[in-house]
Amino acid sequence: MAKKEVTSKSAARSASKTLSSPATAKASKSAAASALSQRKAPARTTSATAAKAASKTLRDGRTAKDSKSAAGSALAQKSKTAKK
Protein backbone atom coordinates (compact mmCIF):
# COMPACT_ATOMS: atom_id res chain seq x y z
CA MET A 1 0.00 0.00 0.00
CA ALA A 2 1.47 3.32 -1.05
CA LYS A 3 1.78 6.19 1.38
CA LYS A 4 -0.20 9.29 0.42
CA GLU A 5 2.68 11.72 0.86
CA VAL A 6 4.47 13.98 -1.58
CA THR A 7 7.70 15.93 -1.37
CA SER A 8 7.20 19.48 -0.09
CA LYS A 9 8.15 22.51 -2.15
CA SER A 10 11.14 23.33 0.10
CA ALA A 11 12.41 19.72 0.04
CA ALA A 12 12.06 19.66 -3.75
CA ARG A 13 14.09 22.87 -3.96
CA SER A 14 16.77 21.26 -1.77
CA ALA A 15 16.74 18.16 -3.95
CA SER A 16 17.20 20.29 -7.05
CA LYS A 17 20.19 22.07 -5.50
CA THR A 18 21.65 18.72 -4.50
CA LEU A 19 21.32 17.30 -8.00
CA SER A 20 22.83 20.36 -9.65
CA SER A 21 25.91 20.45 -7.42
CA PRO A 22 28.96 18.78 -9.00
CA ALA A 23 30.53 18.10 -5.59
CA THR A 24 27.60 16.07 -4.23
CA ALA A 25 28.14 12.36 -3.51
CA LYS A 26 26.34 9.64 -5.47
CA ALA A 27 24.25 8.53 -2.46
CA SER A 28 23.02 12.08 -1.88
CA LYS A 29 22.07 12.48 -5.52
CA SER A 30 20.20 9.16 -5.49
CA ALA A 31 18.14 10.21 -2.46
CA ALA A 32 17.51 13.66 -3.96
CA ALA A 33 16.34 12.17 -7.25
CA SER A 34 13.92 9.91 -5.40
CA ALA A 35 12.51 12.84 -3.42
CA LEU A 36 12.18 14.99 -6.54
CA SER A 37 10.41 12.25 -8.48
CA GLN A 38 7.75 12.16 -5.75
CA ARG A 39 7.01 15.90 -5.84
CA LYS A 40 3.50 15.55 -7.25
CA ALA A 41 3.08 11.78 -7.25
CA PRO A 42 1.45 10.50 -4.04
CA ALA A 43 1.30 6.94 -5.40
CA ARG A 44 5.10 6.68 -5.70
CA THR A 45 7.26 5.49 -2.83
CA THR A 46 11.00 5.41 -2.21
CA SER A 47 12.74 2.21 -3.34
CA ALA A 48 14.89 0.17 -0.98
CA THR A 49 18.04 1.28 -2.82
CA ALA A 50 17.13 4.97 -2.58
CA ALA A 51 16.16 4.55 1.08
CA LYS A 52 19.56 3.02 1.82
CA ALA A 53 21.24 5.95 0.04
CA ALA A 54 19.09 8.41 2.01
CA SER A 55 20.04 6.74 5.27
CA LYS A 56 23.73 6.91 4.35
CA THR A 57 23.34 10.59 3.47
CA LEU A 58 21.70 11.41 6.79
CA ARG A 59 24.39 9.59 8.80
CA ASP A 60 27.30 11.29 7.02
CA GLY A 61 28.52 14.30 9.00
CA ARG A 62 29.96 16.03 5.93
CA THR A 63 26.65 16.22 4.09
CA ALA A 64 25.15 19.65 3.35
CA LYS A 65 21.82 20.77 4.80
CA ASP A 66 20.07 20.68 1.39
CA SER A 67 21.17 17.09 0.79
CA LYS A 68 19.95 16.04 4.23
CA SER A 69 16.59 17.73 3.65
CA ALA A 70 16.07 15.86 0.39
CA ALA A 71 17.23 12.58 1.93
CA GLY A 72 14.85 13.00 4.86
CA SER A 73 11.95 13.60 2.50
CA ALA A 74 12.81 10.51 0.47
CA LEU A 75 13.14 8.38 3.60
CA ALA A 76 9.81 9.62 4.97
CA GLN A 77 8.11 8.32 1.82
CA LYS A 78 9.50 4.80 2.10
CA SER A 79 6.66 2.31 2.39
CA LYS A 80 6.73 0.29 5.58
CA THR A 81 7.11 -3.45 5.09
CA ALA A 82 6.59 -6.07 7.75
CA LYS A 83 9.70 -8.02 8.73
CA LYS A 84 9.42 -11.76 9.14
PDB file of N, CA and C in Angstrom:
ATOM      1  N   MET A   1       0.837  -1.171   0.000  1.00  0.00           N
ATOM      2  CA  MET A   1       0.000   0.000   0.000  1.00  0.00           C
ATOM      3  C   MET A   1       0.892   1.249   0.000  1.00  0.00           C
ATOM      4  N   ALA A   2       0.649   2.118  -0.926  1.00  0.00           N
ATOM      5  CA  ALA A   2       1.468   3.321  -1.049  1.00  0.00           C
ATOM      6  C   ALA A   2       1.063   4.360  -0.012  1.00  0.00           C
ATOM      7  N   LYS A   3       2.061   5.091   0.471  1.00  0.00           N
ATOM      8  CA  LYS A   3       1.780   6.191   1.377  1.00  0.00           C
ATOM      9  C   LYS A   3       1.255   7.358   0.554  1.00  0.00           C
ATOM     10  N   LYS A   4       0.394   8.154   1.136  1.00  0.00           N
ATOM     11  CA  LYS A   4      -0.203   9.287   0.424  1.00  0.00           C
ATOM     12  C   LYS A   4       0.549  10.570   0.744  1.00  0.00           C
ATOM     13  N   GLU A   5       1.851  10.552   0.580  1.00  0.00           N
ATOM     14  CA  GLU A   5       2.676  11.720   0.858  1.00  0.00           C
ATOM     15  C   GLU A   5       3.398  12.149  -0.408  1.00  0.00           C
ATOM     16  N   VAL A   6       3.675  13.437  -0.471  1.00  0.00           N
ATOM     17  CA  VAL A   6       4.472  13.979  -1.575  1.00  0.00           C
ATOM     18  C   VAL A   6       5.584  14.830  -0.989  1.00  0.00           C
ATOM     19  N   THR A   7       6.584  15.093  -1.792  1.00  0.00           N
ATOM     20  CA  THR A   7       7.704  15.934  -1.374  1.00  0.00           C
ATOM     21  C   THR A   7       7.244  17.389  -1.320  1.00  0.00           C
ATOM     22  N   SER A   8       7.578  18.076  -0.240  1.00  0.00           N
ATOM     23  CA  SER A   8       7.200  19.483  -0.091  1.00  0.00           C
ATOM     24  C   SER A   8       7.978  20.356  -1.076  1.00  0.00           C
ATOM     25  N   LYS A   9       7.498  21.569  -1.231  1.00  0.00           N
ATOM     26  CA  LYS A   9       8.154  22.505  -2.146  1.00  0.00           C
ATOM     27  C   LYS A   9       9.581  22.807  -1.705  1.00  0.00           C
ATOM     28  N   SER A  10       9.790  23.011  -0.394  1.00  0.00           N
ATOM     29  CA  SER A  10      11.137  23.328   0.096  1.00  0.00           C
ATOM     30  C   SER A  10      12.080  22.129  -0.038  1.00  0.00           C
ATOM     31  N   ALA A  11      11.569  20.915   0.204  1.00  0.00           N
ATOM     32  CA  ALA A  11      12.405  19.719   0.043  1.00  0.00           C
ATOM     33  C   ALA A  11      12.736  19.489  -1.430  1.00  0.00           C
ATOM     34  N   ALA A  12      11.798  19.796  -2.310  1.00  0.00           N
ATOM     35  CA  ALA A  12      12.058  19.664  -3.749  1.00  0.00           C
ATOM     36  C   ALA A  12      13.124  20.665  -4.194  1.00  0.00           C
ATOM     37  N   ARG A  13      13.077  21.868  -3.637  1.00  0.00           N
ATOM     38  CA  ARG A  13      14.092  22.874  -3.955  1.00  0.00           C
ATOM     39  C   ARG A  13      15.465  22.386  -3.487  1.00  0.00           C
ATOM     40  N   SER A  14      15.516  21.812  -2.290  1.00  0.00           N
ATOM     41  CA  SER A  14      16.773  21.265  -1.766  1.00  0.00           C
ATOM     42  C   SER A  14      17.278  20.121  -2.636  1.00  0.00           C
ATOM     43  N   ALA A  15      16.358  19.275  -3.077  1.00  0.00           N
ATOM     44  CA  ALA A  15      16.735  18.156  -3.947  1.00  0.00           C
ATOM     45  C   ALA A  15      17.306  18.663  -5.262  1.00  0.00           C
ATOM     46  N   SER A  16      16.714  19.709  -5.797  1.00  0.00           N
ATOM     47  CA  SER A  16      17.201  20.290  -7.046  1.00  0.00           C
ATOM     48  C   SER A  16      18.611  20.848  -6.882  1.00  0.00           C
ATOM     49  N   LYS A  17      18.849  21.544  -5.773  1.00  0.00           N
ATOM     50  CA  LYS A  17      20.187  22.070  -5.496  1.00  0.00           C
ATOM     51  C   LYS A  17      21.194  20.935  -5.355  1.00  0.00           C
ATOM     52  N   THR A  18      20.772  19.867  -4.689  1.00  0.00           N
ATOM     53  CA  THR A  18      21.654  18.717  -4.496  1.00  0.00           C
ATOM     54  C   THR A  18      22.030  18.089  -5.828  1.00  0.00           C
ATOM     55  N   LEU A  19      21.055  17.911  -6.699  1.00  0.00           N
ATOM     56  CA  LEU A  19      21.318  17.297  -8.005  1.00  0.00           C
ATOM     57  C   LEU A  19      22.178  18.166  -8.908  1.00  0.00           C
ATOM     58  N   SER A  20      22.064  19.484  -8.771  1.00  0.00           N
ATOM     59  CA  SER A  20      22.827  20.361  -9.654  1.00  0.00           C
ATOM     60  C   SER A  20      24.253  20.618  -9.173  1.00  0.00           C
ATOM     61  N   SER A  21      24.563  20.234  -7.958  1.00  0.00           N
ATOM     62  CA  SER A  21      25.907  20.451  -7.424  1.00  0.00           C
ATOM     63  C   SER A  21      26.876  19.378  -7.916  1.00  0.00           C
ATOM     64  N   PRO A  22      28.000  19.774  -8.508  1.00  0.00           N
ATOM     65  CA  PRO A  22      28.958  18.783  -9.002  1.00  0.00           C
ATOM     66  C   PRO A  22      29.735  18.085  -7.885  1.00  0.00           C
ATOM     67  N   ALA A  23      29.749  18.663  -6.701  1.00  0.00           N
ATOM     68  CA  ALA A  23      30.528  18.097  -5.594  1.00  0.00           C
ATOM     69  C   ALA A  23      29.730  17.122  -4.740  1.00  0.00           C
ATOM     70  N   THR A  24      28.465  16.922  -5.040  1.00  0.00           N
ATOM     71  CA  THR A  24      27.603  16.070  -4.233  1.00  0.00           C
ATOM     72  C   THR A  24      27.893  14.595  -4.499  1.00  0.00           C
ATOM     73  N   ALA A  25      27.869  13.799  -3.423  1.00  0.00           N
ATOM     74  CA  ALA A  25      28.135  12.361  -3.515  1.00  0.00           C
ATOM     75  C   ALA A  25      26.997  11.626  -4.228  1.00  0.00           C
ATOM     76  N   LYS A  26      27.300  10.446  -4.729  1.00  0.00           N
ATOM     77  CA  LYS A  26      26.340   9.639  -5.469  1.00  0.00           C
ATOM     78  C   LYS A  26      25.132   9.266  -4.607  1.00  0.00           C
ATOM     79  N   ALA A  27      25.347   8.916  -3.350  1.00  0.00           N
ATOM     80  CA  ALA A  27      24.248   8.533  -2.462  1.00  0.00           C
ATOM     81  C   ALA A  27      23.299   9.707  -2.241  1.00  0.00           C
ATOM     82  N   SER A  28      23.841  10.894  -2.075  1.00  0.00           N
ATOM     83  CA  SER A  28      23.016  12.084  -1.876  1.00  0.00           C
ATOM     84  C   SER A  28      22.186  12.381  -3.117  1.00  0.00           C
ATOM     85  N   LYS A  29      22.788  12.208  -4.278  1.00  0.00           N
ATOM     86  CA  LYS A  29      22.068  12.476  -5.524  1.00  0.00           C
ATOM     87  C   LYS A  29      20.962  11.440  -5.743  1.00  0.00           C
ATOM     88  N   SER A  30      21.207  10.205  -5.365  1.00  0.00           N
ATOM     89  CA  SER A  30      20.199   9.162  -5.489  1.00  0.00           C
ATOM     90  C   SER A  30      18.985   9.477  -4.615  1.00  0.00           C
ATOM     91  N   ALA A  31      19.233   9.862  -3.378  1.00  0.00           N
ATOM     92  CA  ALA A  31      18.145  10.211  -2.459  1.00  0.00           C
ATOM     93  C   ALA A  31      17.399  11.446  -2.956  1.00  0.00           C
ATOM     94  N   ALA A  32      18.132  12.435  -3.459  1.00  0.00           N
ATOM     95  CA  ALA A  32      17.513  13.655  -3.964  1.00  0.00           C
ATOM     96  C   ALA A  32      16.644  13.375  -5.192  1.00  0.00           C
ATOM     97  N   ALA A  33      17.112  12.515  -6.058  1.00  0.00           N
ATOM     98  CA  ALA A  33      16.340  12.168  -7.249  1.00  0.00           C
ATOM     99  C   ALA A  33      15.043  11.467  -6.868  1.00  0.00           C
ATOM    100  N   SER A  34      15.116  10.596  -5.871  1.00  0.00           N
ATOM    101  CA  SER A  34      13.916   9.909  -5.402  1.00  0.00           C
ATOM    102  C   SER A  34      12.914  10.913  -4.830  1.00  0.00           C
ATOM    103  N   ALA A  35      13.394  11.834  -4.009  1.00  0.00           N
ATOM    104  CA  ALA A  35      12.508  12.839  -3.419  1.00  0.00           C
ATOM    105  C   ALA A  35      11.891  13.715  -4.503  1.00  0.00           C
ATOM    106  N   LEU A  36      12.677  14.119  -5.477  1.00  0.00           N
ATOM    107  CA  LEU A  36      12.184  14.994  -6.536  1.00  0.00           C
ATOM    108  C   LEU A  36      11.163  14.280  -7.425  1.00  0.00           C
ATOM    109  N   SER A  37      11.348  12.999  -7.638  1.00  0.00           N
ATOM    110  CA  SER A  37      10.405  12.250  -8.476  1.00  0.00           C
ATOM    111  C   SER A  37       9.046  12.084  -7.805  1.00  0.00           C
ATOM    112  N   GLN A  38       8.994  12.305  -6.495  1.00  0.00           N
ATOM    113  CA  GLN A  38       7.745  12.158  -5.748  1.00  0.00           C
ATOM    114  C   GLN A  38       7.088  13.504  -5.443  1.00  0.00           C
ATOM    115  N   ARG A  39       7.519  14.561  -6.107  1.00  0.00           N
ATOM    116  CA  ARG A  39       7.013  15.905  -5.836  1.00  0.00           C
ATOM    117  C   ARG A  39       5.501  16.002  -5.976  1.00  0.00           C
ATOM    118  N   LYS A  40       4.954  15.486  -7.043  1.00  0.00           N
ATOM    119  CA  LYS A  40       3.502  15.549  -7.255  1.00  0.00           C
ATOM    120  C   LYS A  40       2.936  14.175  -7.581  1.00  0.00           C
ATOM    121  N   ALA A  41       3.509  13.149  -6.969  1.00  0.00           N
ATOM    122  CA  ALA A  41       3.084  11.780  -7.248  1.00  0.00           C
ATOM    123  C   ALA A  41       2.866  11.020  -5.938  1.00  0.00           C
ATOM    124  N   PRO A  42       1.681  11.148  -5.331  1.00  0.00           N
ATOM    125  CA  PRO A  42       1.447  10.495  -4.039  1.00  0.00           C
ATOM    126  C   PRO A  42       1.461   8.967  -4.102  1.00  0.00           C
ATOM    127  N   ALA A  43       1.309   8.394  -5.272  1.00  0.00           N
ATOM    128  CA  ALA A  43       1.301   6.940  -5.401  1.00  0.00           C
ATOM    129  C   ALA A  43       2.714   6.351  -5.401  1.00  0.00           C
ATOM    130  N   ARG A  44       3.723   7.176  -5.646  1.00  0.00           N
ATOM    131  CA  ARG A  44       5.105   6.683  -5.705  1.00  0.00           C
ATOM    132  C   ARG A  44       5.703   6.614  -4.314  1.00  0.00           C
ATOM    133  N   THR A  45       6.547   5.615  -4.099  1.00  0.00           N
ATOM    134  CA  THR A  45       7.263   5.490  -2.832  1.00  0.00           C
ATOM    135  C   THR A  45       8.750   5.333  -3.115  1.00  0.00           C
ATOM    136  N   THR A  46       9.552   5.524  -2.094  1.00  0.00           N
ATOM    137  CA  THR A  46      10.998   5.411  -2.215  1.00  0.00           C
ATOM    138  C   THR A  46      11.395   3.935  -2.278  1.00  0.00           C
ATOM    139  N   SER A  47      12.272   3.596  -3.213  1.00  0.00           N
ATOM    140  CA  SER A  47      12.738   2.215  -3.337  1.00  0.00           C
ATOM    141  C   SER A  47      13.696   1.879  -2.203  1.00  0.00           C
ATOM    142  N   ALA A  48      13.967   0.612  -2.023  1.00  0.00           N
ATOM    143  CA  ALA A  48      14.890   0.172  -0.976  1.00  0.00           C
ATOM    144  C   ALA A  48      16.293   0.717  -1.224  1.00  0.00           C
ATOM    145  N   THR A  49      16.714   0.762  -2.473  1.00  0.00           N
ATOM    146  CA  THR A  49      18.041   1.283  -2.822  1.00  0.00           C
ATOM    147  C   THR A  49      18.146   2.767  -2.502  1.00  0.00           C
ATOM    148  N   ALA A  50      17.123   3.531  -2.865  1.00  0.00           N
ATOM    149  CA  ALA A  50      17.130   4.968  -2.582  1.00  0.00           C
ATOM    150  C   ALA A  50      17.028   5.232  -1.085  1.00  0.00           C
ATOM    151  N   ALA A  51      16.280   4.395  -0.376  1.00  0.00           N
ATOM    152  CA  ALA A  51      16.162   4.552   1.080  1.00  0.00           C
ATOM    153  C   ALA A  51      17.502   4.293   1.757  1.00  0.00           C
ATOM    154  N   LYS A  52      18.231   3.310   1.261  1.00  0.00           N
ATOM    155  CA  LYS A  52      19.557   3.018   1.815  1.00  0.00           C
ATOM    156  C   LYS A  52      20.500   4.197   1.562  1.00  0.00           C
ATOM    157  N   ALA A  53      20.425   4.780   0.366  1.00  0.00           N
ATOM    158  CA  ALA A  53      21.245   5.946   0.035  1.00  0.00           C
ATOM    159  C   ALA A  53      20.859   7.145   0.907  1.00  0.00           C
ATOM    160  N   ALA A  54      19.563   7.308   1.154  1.00  0.00           N
ATOM    161  CA  ALA A  54      19.094   8.412   2.005  1.00  0.00           C
ATOM    162  C   ALA A  54      19.591   8.237   3.433  1.00  0.00           C
ATOM    163  N   SER A  55      19.553   7.029   3.922  1.00  0.00           N
ATOM    164  CA  SER A  55      20.041   6.743   5.271  1.00  0.00           C
ATOM    165  C   SER A  55      21.533   7.039   5.384  1.00  0.00           C
ATOM    166  N   LYS A  56      22.285   6.638   4.377  1.00  0.00           N
ATOM    167  CA  LYS A  56      23.726   6.905   4.350  1.00  0.00           C
ATOM    168  C   LYS A  56      23.996   8.411   4.327  1.00  0.00           C
ATOM    169  N   THR A  57      23.202   9.136   3.560  1.00  0.00           N
ATOM    170  CA  THR A  57      23.344  10.588   3.468  1.00  0.00           C
ATOM    171  C   THR A  57      23.086  11.253   4.817  1.00  0.00           C
ATOM    172  N   LEU A  58      22.042  10.813   5.505  1.00  0.00           N
ATOM    173  CA  LEU A  58      21.695  11.407   6.793  1.00  0.00           C
ATOM    174  C   LEU A  58      22.738  11.117   7.876  1.00  0.00           C
ATOM    175  N   ARG A  59      23.384   9.955   7.793  1.00  0.00           N
ATOM    176  CA  ARG A  59      24.392   9.586   8.796  1.00  0.00           C
ATOM    177  C   ARG A  59      25.743  10.253   8.573  1.00  0.00           C
ATOM    178  N   ASP A  60      26.003  10.696   7.347  1.00  0.00           N
ATOM    179  CA  ASP A  60      27.297  11.295   7.019  1.00  0.00           C
ATOM    180  C   ASP A  60      27.377  12.715   7.572  1.00  0.00           C
ATOM    181  N   GLY A  61      28.360  12.989   8.377  1.00  0.00           N
ATOM    182  CA  GLY A  61      28.517  14.296   9.000  1.00  0.00           C
ATOM    183  C   GLY A  61      28.951  15.396   8.044  1.00  0.00           C
ATOM    184  N   ARG A  62      29.467  15.032   6.891  1.00  0.00           N
ATOM    185  CA  ARG A  62      29.959  16.027   5.928  1.00  0.00           C
ATOM    186  C   ARG A  62      28.884  16.507   4.961  1.00  0.00           C
ATOM    187  N   THR A  63      27.708  15.923   5.039  1.00  0.00           N
ATOM    188  CA  THR A  63      26.648  16.219   4.090  1.00  0.00           C
ATOM    189  C   THR A  63      26.023  17.590   4.349  1.00  0.00           C
ATOM    190  N   ALA A  64      25.751  18.313   3.268  1.00  0.00           N
ATOM    191  CA  ALA A  64      25.147  19.648   3.351  1.00  0.00           C
ATOM    192  C   ALA A  64      23.682  19.567   3.790  1.00  0.00           C
ATOM    193  N   LYS A  65      23.190  20.676   4.296  1.00  0.00           N
ATOM    194  CA  LYS A  65      21.815  20.774   4.799  1.00  0.00           C
ATOM    195  C   LYS A  65      20.793  20.449   3.706  1.00  0.00           C
ATOM    196  N   ASP A  66      20.999  20.940   2.493  1.00  0.00           N
ATOM    197  CA  ASP A  66      20.073  20.676   1.387  1.00  0.00           C
ATOM    198  C   ASP A  66      19.996  19.186   1.068  1.00  0.00           C
ATOM    199  N   SER A  67      21.140  18.522   1.073  1.00  0.00           N
ATOM    200  CA  SER A  67      21.165  17.091   0.793  1.00  0.00           C
ATOM    201  C   SER A  67      20.435  16.313   1.873  1.00  0.00           C
ATOM    202  N   LYS A  68      20.621  16.724   3.127  1.00  0.00           N
ATOM    203  CA  LYS A  68      19.951  16.036   4.229  1.00  0.00           C
ATOM    204  C   LYS A  68      18.445  16.264   4.189  1.00  0.00           C
ATOM    205  N   SER A  69      18.020  17.437   3.778  1.00  0.00           N
ATOM    206  CA  SER A  69      16.590  17.727   3.651  1.00  0.00           C
ATOM    207  C   SER A  69      15.951  16.826   2.594  1.00  0.00           C
ATOM    208  N   ALA A  70      16.586  16.707   1.465  1.00  0.00           N
ATOM    209  CA  ALA A  70      16.070  15.861   0.386  1.00  0.00           C
ATOM    210  C   ALA A  70      16.078  14.393   0.805  1.00  0.00           C
ATOM    211  N   ALA A  71      17.134  13.966   1.487  1.00  0.00           N
ATOM    212  CA  ALA A  71      17.225  12.582   1.933  1.00  0.00           C
ATOM    213  C   ALA A  71      16.141  12.268   2.966  1.00  0.00           C
ATOM    214  N   GLY A  72      15.896  13.198   3.860  1.00  0.00           N
ATOM    215  CA  GLY A  72      14.849  13.002   4.857  1.00  0.00           C
ATOM    216  C   GLY A  72      13.483  12.875   4.219  1.00  0.00           C
ATOM    217  N   SER A  73      13.218  13.675   3.208  1.00  0.00           N
ATOM    218  CA  SER A  73      11.948  13.601   2.502  1.00  0.00           C
ATOM    219  C   SER A  73      11.800  12.250   1.799  1.00  0.00           C
ATOM    220  N   ALA A  74      12.856  11.802   1.159  1.00  0.00           N
ATOM    221  CA  ALA A  74      12.809  10.505   0.474  1.00  0.00           C
ATOM    222  C   ALA A  74      12.584   9.373   1.470  1.00  0.00           C
ATOM    223  N   LEU A  75      13.260   9.430   2.595  1.00  0.00           N
ATOM    224  CA  LEU A  75      13.136   8.379   3.599  1.00  0.00           C
ATOM    225  C   LEU A  75      11.747   8.375   4.239  1.00  0.00           C
ATOM    226  N   ALA A  76      11.151   9.524   4.400  1.00  0.00           N
ATOM    227  CA  ALA A  76       9.808   9.620   4.973  1.00  0.00           C
ATOM    228  C   ALA A  76       8.753   8.998   4.062  1.00  0.00           C
ATOM    229  N   GLN A  77       9.064   8.866   2.785  1.00  0.00           N
ATOM    230  CA  GLN A  77       8.109   8.318   1.825  1.00  0.00           C
ATOM    231  C   GLN A  77       8.367   6.855   1.494  1.00  0.00           C
ATOM    232  N   LYS A  78       9.231   6.229   2.263  1.00  0.00           N
ATOM    233  CA  LYS A  78       9.497   4.803   2.100  1.00  0.00           C
ATOM    234  C   LYS A  78       8.303   4.028   2.652  1.00  0.00           C
ATOM    235  N   SER A  79       7.783   3.089   1.889  1.00  0.00           N
ATOM    236  CA  SER A  79       6.664   2.307   2.391  1.00  0.00           C
ATOM    237  C   SER A  79       7.158   1.342   3.450  1.00  0.00           C
ATOM    238  N   LYS A  80       6.374   1.180   4.466  1.00  0.00           N
ATOM    239  CA  LYS A  80       6.734   0.292   5.579  1.00  0.00           C
ATOM    240  C   LYS A  80       6.393  -1.142   5.165  1.00  0.00           C
ATOM    241  N   THR A  81       7.345  -2.046   5.366  1.00  0.00           N
ATOM    242  CA  THR A  81       7.105  -3.451   5.089  1.00  0.00           C
ATOM    243  C   THR A  81       7.313  -4.240   6.367  1.00  0.00           C
ATOM    244  N   ALA A  82       6.512  -5.234   6.557  1.00  0.00           N
ATOM    245  CA  ALA A  82       6.593  -6.065   7.754  1.00  0.00           C
ATOM    246  C   ALA A  82       7.786  -7.006   7.639  1.00  0.00           C
ATOM    247  N   LYS A  83       8.565  -7.092   8.705  1.00  0.00           N
ATOM    248  CA  LYS A  83       9.700  -8.018   8.733  1.00  0.00           C
ATOM    249  C   LYS A  83       9.232  -9.368   9.251  1.00  0.00           C
ATOM    250  N   LYS A  84       9.792 -10.411   8.697  1.00  0.00           N
ATOM    251  CA  LYS A  84       9.424 -11.758   9.139  1.00  0.00           C
ATOM    252  C   LYS A  84      10.442 -12.304  10.102  1.00  0.00           C
TER     253      LYS A  84
END
